[in-house]
Each structure stands twice: as C-alpha cells, then as structure tokens.
Amino acid sequence: MQYIFRCEKLVRDRIPALMTKPGHVVETTTLDHKDHIHALKAKLLEEAMEVNSANTRDEIIEEIADLKEVIDALVLKLSIKNSEIEEIKRKKSMKDGSFDRGIFLKTVEAPHDSEIALRFLQEPLKYPRITAHDQTLDSSQ
C-alpha cells in the first residue's frame, strides 16, 4: 500500500532529489516569479513559527539559519540590496529604537480620536479593544 501526502510548500532545491528513493514518487513544479515570491513569504511565516517552537539554543540557531536562508532568497528574488535593508534598519532604530532592552507593550489607553487609537482600530485582530468588562475581569484575578 502506498500513501500520498499533500505538501504544497516551498522546499530547498535539493529536497526532492533527497526524497527520491525506490518506490517513492515526488511531484514538483517550478514556480513563476510572482508565485515564487508568494511562496517565499509563506515560507518566511513557517520558518518564523519554527523559531518560535524551538527550545534549545542549538535548535533556535538552526531555525534562525533557515529563516535567514528564506530572507536571503526573497531579497535576491526582489533584487533588494543589503544596503537598502541596512539603511531602513538604521533609520527605524534611530527613530523608534531597537529590540535590545526587551520592552513589552501590554496595553495602550488613548483618546478615541487620537492618531494611535485610529491606527489600532484599523487592525482589530492585531490590537483588540479591551472593554470595561474585560478590565474588571483582569483586576479580579
């Protein structure tokens, strides 16, 4: 009996050859530019989740290496210069800071018509509103 598994994901170039053994059938396709970019972006999320799931320092290093490999491929595919990335990184760091100090934003209370409130309201899944009922529950725990 043979099993067939649906994969539907971008893999490293040599993976199909490494999986091809007697009795195995590996089906692949080569993506066009647009689909390749889409697949790289999806792979970026997959690899980021694997970094998140890694437990040991060595596992984290391995997953960061995979993440960096995907980023490098996306940079190459979009003809982005590393200098462009570094310039944006530098500007953001100067304007907003870096992630060195481990500051964790828990909640923001802002007037309903403020720029921050309006921006947060545009992304309710990312920034859910806390109601007075929610605050009562938090303080009673």
N, C-alpha and C. Protein backbone atom coordinates (compact mmCIF):
# COMPACT_ATOMS: atom_id res chain seq x y z
N MET A 1 0.85 -1.18 0.00
CA MET A 1 0.00 0.00 0.00
C MET A 1 0.89 1.24 0.00
N GLN A 2 0.53 2.22 -0.80
CA GLN A 2 1.24 3.49 -0.89
C GLN A 2 0.42 4.58 -0.22
N TYR A 3 1.07 5.51 0.42
CA TYR A 3 0.43 6.70 0.95
C TYR A 3 0.81 7.88 0.06
N ILE A 4 -0.10 8.80 -0.14
CA ILE A 4 0.19 10.03 -0.86
C ILE A 4 -0.04 11.18 0.11
N PHE A 5 0.94 12.05 0.25
CA PHE A 5 0.87 13.19 1.16
C PHE A 5 0.88 14.49 0.37
N ARG A 6 -0.05 15.36 0.68
CA ARG A 6 -0.09 16.69 0.07
C ARG A 6 0.87 17.58 0.86
N CYS A 7 1.76 18.24 0.17
CA CYS A 7 2.74 19.12 0.84
C CYS A 7 2.46 20.59 0.52
N GLU A 8 2.38 20.93 -0.74
CA GLU A 8 2.02 22.28 -1.16
C GLU A 8 2.85 23.36 -0.47
N LYS A 9 4.17 23.24 -0.48
CA LYS A 9 5.01 24.25 0.13
C LYS A 9 6.36 24.31 -0.57
N LEU A 10 6.98 25.45 -0.44
CA LEU A 10 8.31 25.66 -0.99
C LEU A 10 9.31 24.87 -0.17
N VAL A 11 10.22 24.20 -0.86
CA VAL A 11 11.28 23.44 -0.18
C VAL A 11 12.63 23.83 -0.75
N ARG A 12 13.67 23.49 -0.01
CA ARG A 12 15.03 23.72 -0.51
C ARG A 12 15.22 22.94 -1.82
N ASP A 13 16.07 23.47 -2.69
CA ASP A 13 16.23 22.95 -4.05
C ASP A 13 16.57 21.47 -4.13
N ARG A 14 17.34 20.95 -3.18
CA ARG A 14 17.79 19.56 -3.26
C ARG A 14 16.86 18.57 -2.57
N ILE A 15 15.83 19.06 -1.88
CA ILE A 15 14.94 18.16 -1.12
C ILE A 15 14.27 17.10 -2.01
N PRO A 16 13.70 17.46 -3.17
CA PRO A 16 13.07 16.41 -3.99
C PRO A 16 14.04 15.28 -4.35
N ALA A 17 15.26 15.61 -4.72
CA ALA A 17 16.24 14.58 -5.08
C ALA A 17 16.58 13.72 -3.86
N LEU A 18 16.67 14.36 -2.69
CA LEU A 18 16.98 13.60 -1.48
C LEU A 18 15.83 12.68 -1.07
N MET A 19 14.61 13.00 -1.46
CA MET A 19 13.44 12.19 -1.12
C MET A 19 13.16 11.08 -2.13
N THR A 20 13.77 11.17 -3.31
CA THR A 20 13.52 10.20 -4.36
C THR A 20 14.31 8.93 -4.07
N LYS A 21 13.57 7.89 -3.71
CA LYS A 21 14.14 6.58 -3.42
C LYS A 21 13.27 5.55 -4.14
N PRO A 22 13.74 4.31 -4.25
CA PRO A 22 12.90 3.29 -4.91
C PRO A 22 11.51 3.21 -4.25
N GLY A 23 10.48 3.24 -5.08
CA GLY A 23 9.12 3.17 -4.59
C GLY A 23 8.51 4.50 -4.21
N HIS A 24 9.29 5.57 -4.29
CA HIS A 24 8.81 6.91 -3.95
C HIS A 24 8.58 7.71 -5.23
N VAL A 25 7.53 8.48 -5.25
CA VAL A 25 7.25 9.38 -6.37
C VAL A 25 7.12 10.77 -5.78
N VAL A 26 7.95 11.67 -6.25
CA VAL A 26 7.94 13.05 -5.76
C VAL A 26 7.50 13.95 -6.91
N GLU A 27 6.41 14.66 -6.71
CA GLU A 27 5.88 15.56 -7.73
C GLU A 27 6.23 17.00 -7.36
N THR A 28 6.82 17.72 -8.29
CA THR A 28 7.19 19.12 -8.07
C THR A 28 6.77 19.96 -9.25
N THR A 29 6.86 21.25 -9.06
CA THR A 29 6.68 22.20 -10.15
C THR A 29 7.62 23.36 -9.85
N THR A 30 7.97 24.10 -10.87
CA THR A 30 8.80 25.28 -10.69
C THR A 30 7.91 26.50 -10.77
N LEU A 31 7.98 27.33 -9.76
CA LEU A 31 7.10 28.49 -9.65
C LEU A 31 7.57 29.64 -10.53
N ASP A 32 6.61 30.40 -11.05
CA ASP A 32 6.97 31.63 -11.76
C ASP A 32 7.35 32.69 -10.72
N HIS A 33 7.80 33.83 -11.19
CA HIS A 33 8.31 34.90 -10.31
C HIS A 33 7.30 35.28 -9.22
N LYS A 34 6.07 35.57 -9.63
CA LYS A 34 5.03 36.02 -8.68
C LYS A 34 4.72 34.93 -7.65
N ASP A 35 4.53 33.71 -8.10
CA ASP A 35 4.22 32.61 -7.19
C ASP A 35 5.40 32.27 -6.29
N HIS A 36 6.62 32.43 -6.81
CA HIS A 36 7.82 32.18 -6.01
C HIS A 36 7.89 33.18 -4.85
N ILE A 37 7.62 34.44 -5.14
CA ILE A 37 7.61 35.46 -4.08
C ILE A 37 6.53 35.13 -3.04
N HIS A 38 5.34 34.77 -3.51
CA HIS A 38 4.25 34.40 -2.59
C HIS A 38 4.67 33.21 -1.71
N ALA A 39 5.28 32.19 -2.33
CA ALA A 39 5.71 31.00 -1.59
C ALA A 39 6.83 31.33 -0.60
N LEU A 40 7.73 32.23 -0.98
CA LEU A 40 8.80 32.64 -0.06
C LEU A 40 8.21 33.36 1.16
N LYS A 41 7.21 34.19 0.93
CA LYS A 41 6.57 34.90 2.04
C LYS A 41 5.86 33.91 2.97
N ALA A 42 5.22 32.91 2.40
CA ALA A 42 4.57 31.87 3.22
C ALA A 42 5.63 31.07 3.98
N LYS A 43 6.74 30.78 3.32
CA LYS A 43 7.83 30.02 3.96
C LYS A 43 8.44 30.83 5.10
N LEU A 44 8.50 32.13 4.92
CA LEU A 44 9.00 33.02 5.97
C LEU A 44 8.18 32.85 7.25
N LEU A 45 6.86 32.81 7.11
CA LEU A 45 5.99 32.61 8.27
C LEU A 45 6.20 31.22 8.88
N GLU A 46 6.31 30.21 8.02
CA GLU A 46 6.54 28.84 8.51
C GLU A 46 7.84 28.77 9.32
N GLU A 47 8.90 29.35 8.78
CA GLU A 47 10.19 29.31 9.47
C GLU A 47 10.16 30.13 10.76
N ALA A 48 9.46 31.26 10.74
CA ALA A 48 9.34 32.07 11.96
C ALA A 48 8.62 31.28 13.05
N MET A 49 7.60 30.52 12.68
CA MET A 49 6.89 29.68 13.65
C MET A 49 7.82 28.59 14.20
N GLU A 50 8.70 28.09 13.36
CA GLU A 50 9.64 27.07 13.83
C GLU A 50 10.67 27.67 14.79
N VAL A 51 11.07 28.91 14.54
CA VAL A 51 11.93 29.60 15.51
C VAL A 51 11.18 29.71 16.84
N ASN A 52 9.93 30.08 16.76
CA ASN A 52 9.11 30.23 17.96
C ASN A 52 8.96 28.92 18.72
N SER A 53 8.90 27.80 18.01
CA SER A 53 8.72 26.48 18.65
C SER A 53 10.02 25.87 19.15
N ALA A 54 11.15 26.38 18.69
CA ALA A 54 12.44 25.82 19.10
C ALA A 54 12.67 26.06 20.59
N ASN A 55 13.30 25.10 21.25
CA ASN A 55 13.50 25.19 22.69
C ASN A 55 14.95 25.43 23.10
N THR A 56 15.86 24.74 22.48
CA THR A 56 17.25 24.88 22.90
C THR A 56 17.95 25.93 22.05
N ARG A 57 19.08 26.38 22.55
CA ARG A 57 19.88 27.37 21.81
C ARG A 57 20.25 26.83 20.43
N ASP A 58 20.68 25.56 20.36
CA ASP A 58 21.07 24.97 19.07
C ASP A 58 19.89 24.88 18.11
N GLU A 59 18.70 24.51 18.62
CA GLU A 59 17.51 24.48 17.77
C GLU A 59 17.17 25.87 17.25
N ILE A 60 17.27 26.85 18.12
CA ILE A 60 16.98 28.24 17.72
C ILE A 60 17.96 28.69 16.64
N ILE A 61 19.24 28.37 16.82
CA ILE A 61 20.24 28.75 15.81
C ILE A 61 19.91 28.10 14.47
N GLU A 62 19.55 26.83 14.49
CA GLU A 62 19.22 26.13 13.24
C GLU A 62 18.00 26.76 12.56
N GLU A 63 16.99 27.10 13.33
CA GLU A 63 15.79 27.69 12.76
C GLU A 63 16.03 29.12 12.27
N ILE A 64 16.87 29.87 12.98
CA ILE A 64 17.23 31.22 12.51
C ILE A 64 18.00 31.11 11.19
N ALA A 65 18.86 30.10 11.07
CA ALA A 65 19.58 29.89 9.80
C ALA A 65 18.60 29.64 8.66
N ASP A 66 17.57 28.82 8.92
CA ASP A 66 16.55 28.57 7.89
C ASP A 66 15.80 29.87 7.56
N LEU A 67 15.46 30.62 8.59
CA LEU A 67 14.75 31.88 8.40
C LEU A 67 15.60 32.84 7.56
N LYS A 68 16.88 32.92 7.89
CA LYS A 68 17.78 33.80 7.15
C LYS A 68 17.92 33.34 5.69
N GLU A 69 17.94 32.03 5.47
CA GLU A 69 18.01 31.50 4.11
C GLU A 69 16.81 31.96 3.28
N VAL A 70 15.63 31.93 3.88
CA VAL A 70 14.42 32.37 3.18
C VAL A 70 14.46 33.87 2.93
N ILE A 71 14.89 34.63 3.93
CA ILE A 71 15.02 36.08 3.76
C ILE A 71 16.00 36.39 2.64
N ASP A 72 17.13 35.71 2.63
CA ASP A 72 18.13 35.93 1.58
C ASP A 72 17.57 35.62 0.20
N ALA A 73 16.78 34.56 0.09
CA ALA A 73 16.17 34.20 -1.20
C ALA A 73 15.17 35.26 -1.64
N LEU A 74 14.39 35.78 -0.68
CA LEU A 74 13.41 36.82 -1.00
C LEU A 74 14.12 38.11 -1.42
N VAL A 75 15.18 38.45 -0.74
CA VAL A 75 15.98 39.63 -1.08
C VAL A 75 16.54 39.48 -2.50
N LEU A 76 17.06 38.32 -2.81
CA LEU A 76 17.61 38.06 -4.14
C LEU A 76 16.51 38.12 -5.21
N LYS A 77 15.39 37.49 -4.93
CA LYS A 77 14.29 37.43 -5.90
C LYS A 77 13.74 38.82 -6.21
N LEU A 78 13.74 39.70 -5.21
CA LEU A 78 13.21 41.05 -5.40
C LEU A 78 14.30 42.08 -5.73
N SER A 79 15.52 41.60 -5.94
CA SER A 79 16.66 42.46 -6.28
C SER A 79 16.82 43.60 -5.26
N ILE A 80 16.72 43.25 -4.00
CA ILE A 80 16.90 44.23 -2.93
C ILE A 80 18.37 44.21 -2.53
N LYS A 81 18.94 45.38 -2.39
CA LYS A 81 20.33 45.49 -1.96
C LYS A 81 20.38 45.45 -0.43
N ASN A 82 21.38 44.75 0.12
CA ASN A 82 21.54 44.72 1.57
C ASN A 82 21.69 46.12 2.14
N SER A 83 22.29 47.01 1.37
CA SER A 83 22.47 48.38 1.83
C SER A 83 21.11 49.06 2.03
N GLU A 84 20.12 48.71 1.19
CA GLU A 84 18.77 49.27 1.35
C GLU A 84 18.16 48.81 2.68
N ILE A 85 18.33 47.54 2.97
CA ILE A 85 17.79 46.98 4.21
C ILE A 85 18.48 47.62 5.41
N GLU A 86 19.80 47.69 5.35
CA GLU A 86 20.55 48.26 6.47
C GLU A 86 20.21 49.73 6.71
N GLU A 87 19.97 50.48 5.64
CA GLU A 87 19.61 51.89 5.77
C GLU A 87 18.25 52.04 6.46
N ILE A 88 17.28 51.25 6.05
CA ILE A 88 15.95 51.29 6.67
C ILE A 88 16.06 50.85 8.13
N LYS A 89 16.82 49.81 8.38
CA LYS A 89 17.03 49.32 9.75
C LYS A 89 17.64 50.41 10.62
N ARG A 90 18.64 51.09 10.09
CA ARG A 90 19.30 52.16 10.83
C ARG A 90 18.33 53.30 11.12
N LYS A 91 17.56 53.70 10.11
CA LYS A 91 16.59 54.79 10.29
C LYS A 91 15.54 54.43 11.34
N LYS A 92 15.00 53.20 11.26
CA LYS A 92 13.99 52.78 12.23
C LYS A 92 14.57 52.72 13.64
N SER A 93 15.79 52.25 13.74
CA SER A 93 16.45 52.17 15.05
C SER A 93 16.65 53.55 15.64
N MET A 94 17.05 54.50 14.80
CA MET A 94 17.25 55.87 15.27
C MET A 94 15.91 56.51 15.68
N LYS A 95 14.87 56.26 14.89
CA LYS A 95 13.56 56.87 15.15
C LYS A 95 12.82 56.20 16.30
N ASP A 96 12.72 54.86 16.25
CA ASP A 96 11.88 54.12 17.19
C ASP A 96 12.64 53.27 18.20
N GLY A 97 13.95 53.14 18.01
CA GLY A 97 14.75 52.28 18.89
C GLY A 97 14.91 50.89 18.29
N SER A 98 15.58 50.03 19.06
CA SER A 98 15.79 48.65 18.61
C SER A 98 15.00 47.72 19.52
N PHE A 99 15.37 46.46 19.56
CA PHE A 99 14.68 45.49 20.41
C PHE A 99 15.61 44.98 21.52
N ASP A 100 16.64 45.73 21.83
CA ASP A 100 17.67 45.28 22.76
C ASP A 100 17.23 45.19 24.21
N ARG A 101 16.36 46.08 24.65
CA ARG A 101 16.04 46.18 26.07
C ARG A 101 14.88 45.30 26.51
N GLY A 102 14.19 44.67 25.58
CA GLY A 102 13.11 43.76 25.94
C GLY A 102 11.85 44.43 26.46
N ILE A 103 11.53 45.60 25.94
CA ILE A 103 10.32 46.31 26.37
C ILE A 103 9.11 45.64 25.73
N PHE A 104 8.14 45.27 26.57
CA PHE A 104 6.95 44.53 26.15
C PHE A 104 5.73 45.41 26.39
N LEU A 105 5.06 45.81 25.32
CA LEU A 105 3.90 46.70 25.41
C LEU A 105 2.67 45.87 25.76
N LYS A 106 2.09 46.14 26.93
CA LYS A 106 0.94 45.36 27.39
C LYS A 106 -0.38 45.96 26.93
N THR A 107 -0.64 47.20 27.23
CA THR A 107 -1.87 47.86 26.80
C THR A 107 -1.57 49.32 26.49
N VAL A 108 -2.46 49.93 25.74
CA VAL A 108 -2.38 51.36 25.46
C VAL A 108 -3.78 51.92 25.63
N GLU A 109 -3.91 52.94 26.46
CA GLU A 109 -5.17 53.65 26.59
C GLU A 109 -4.99 54.99 25.91
N ALA A 110 -5.88 55.29 24.97
CA ALA A 110 -5.73 56.51 24.18
C ALA A 110 -7.09 57.11 23.87
N PRO A 111 -7.17 58.45 23.74
CA PRO A 111 -8.44 59.09 23.35
C PRO A 111 -8.92 58.52 22.02
N HIS A 112 -10.25 58.41 21.89
CA HIS A 112 -10.85 57.77 20.72
C HIS A 112 -10.46 58.41 19.40
N ASP A 113 -10.12 59.69 19.40
CA ASP A 113 -9.79 60.37 18.15
C ASP A 113 -8.29 60.59 17.96
N SER A 114 -7.48 59.95 18.79
CA SER A 114 -6.02 60.13 18.67
C SER A 114 -5.48 59.31 17.50
N GLU A 115 -4.32 59.71 17.01
CA GLU A 115 -3.67 59.01 15.90
C GLU A 115 -3.42 57.54 16.25
N ILE A 116 -2.99 57.30 17.48
CA ILE A 116 -2.70 55.93 17.90
C ILE A 116 -3.98 55.10 17.93
N ALA A 117 -5.04 55.64 18.53
CA ALA A 117 -6.31 54.89 18.60
C ALA A 117 -6.83 54.60 17.20
N LEU A 118 -6.78 55.57 16.31
CA LEU A 118 -7.27 55.36 14.95
C LEU A 118 -6.45 54.29 14.22
N ARG A 119 -5.14 54.29 14.44
CA ARG A 119 -4.28 53.28 13.81
C ARG A 119 -4.59 51.89 14.38
N PHE A 120 -4.74 51.79 15.69
CA PHE A 120 -5.03 50.50 16.32
C PHE A 120 -6.42 49.98 15.91
N LEU A 121 -7.39 50.87 15.77
CA LEU A 121 -8.74 50.47 15.37
C LEU A 121 -8.77 49.87 13.97
N GLN A 122 -7.81 50.24 13.13
CA GLN A 122 -7.74 49.71 11.76
C GLN A 122 -7.27 48.26 11.74
N GLU A 123 -6.70 47.78 12.84
CA GLU A 123 -6.19 46.41 12.91
C GLU A 123 -6.72 45.70 14.15
N PRO A 124 -8.03 45.41 14.17
CA PRO A 124 -8.63 44.84 15.38
C PRO A 124 -8.11 43.46 15.77
N LEU A 125 -7.64 42.68 14.83
CA LEU A 125 -7.08 41.37 15.19
C LEU A 125 -5.72 41.52 15.86
N LYS A 126 -4.97 42.51 15.42
CA LYS A 126 -3.65 42.75 15.98
C LYS A 126 -3.73 43.51 17.31
N TYR A 127 -4.69 44.45 17.40
CA TYR A 127 -4.86 45.28 18.60
C TYR A 127 -6.32 45.22 19.07
N PRO A 128 -6.75 44.12 19.69
CA PRO A 128 -8.14 44.04 20.14
C PRO A 128 -8.45 45.05 21.24
N ARG A 129 -9.63 45.62 21.17
CA ARG A 129 -10.04 46.57 22.21
C ARG A 129 -10.42 45.82 23.47
N ILE A 130 -10.06 46.39 24.59
CA ILE A 130 -10.43 45.84 25.89
C ILE A 130 -11.62 46.65 26.39
N THR A 131 -12.67 45.96 26.75
CA THR A 131 -13.86 46.66 27.26
C THR A 131 -13.75 46.82 28.77
N ALA A 132 -14.60 47.62 29.33
CA ALA A 132 -14.63 47.81 30.78
C ALA A 132 -14.86 46.46 31.46
N HIS A 133 -15.68 45.60 30.85
CA HIS A 133 -15.94 44.27 31.40
C HIS A 133 -14.65 43.46 31.46
N ASP A 134 -13.81 43.52 30.39
CA ASP A 134 -12.53 42.82 30.36
C ASP A 134 -11.62 43.30 31.48
N GLN A 135 -11.58 44.62 31.71
CA GLN A 135 -10.72 45.19 32.74
C GLN A 135 -11.16 44.74 34.12
N THR A 136 -12.45 44.62 34.34
CA THR A 136 -12.97 44.15 35.63
C THR A 136 -12.53 42.71 35.87
N LEU A 137 -12.59 41.88 34.82
CA LEU A 137 -12.16 40.50 34.95
C LEU A 137 -10.67 40.42 35.27
N ASP A 138 -9.85 41.24 34.59
CA ASP A 138 -8.41 41.23 34.84
C ASP A 138 -8.09 41.60 36.27
N SER A 139 -8.72 42.62 36.79
CA SER A 139 -8.37 43.10 38.12
C SER A 139 -8.86 42.18 39.22
N SER A 140 -9.85 41.31 38.93
CA SER A 140 -10.36 40.41 39.96
C SER A 140 -9.55 39.13 40.04
N GLN A 141 -8.65 38.89 39.11
CA GLN A 141 -7.87 37.65 39.11
C GLN A 141 -6.63 37.74 39.94
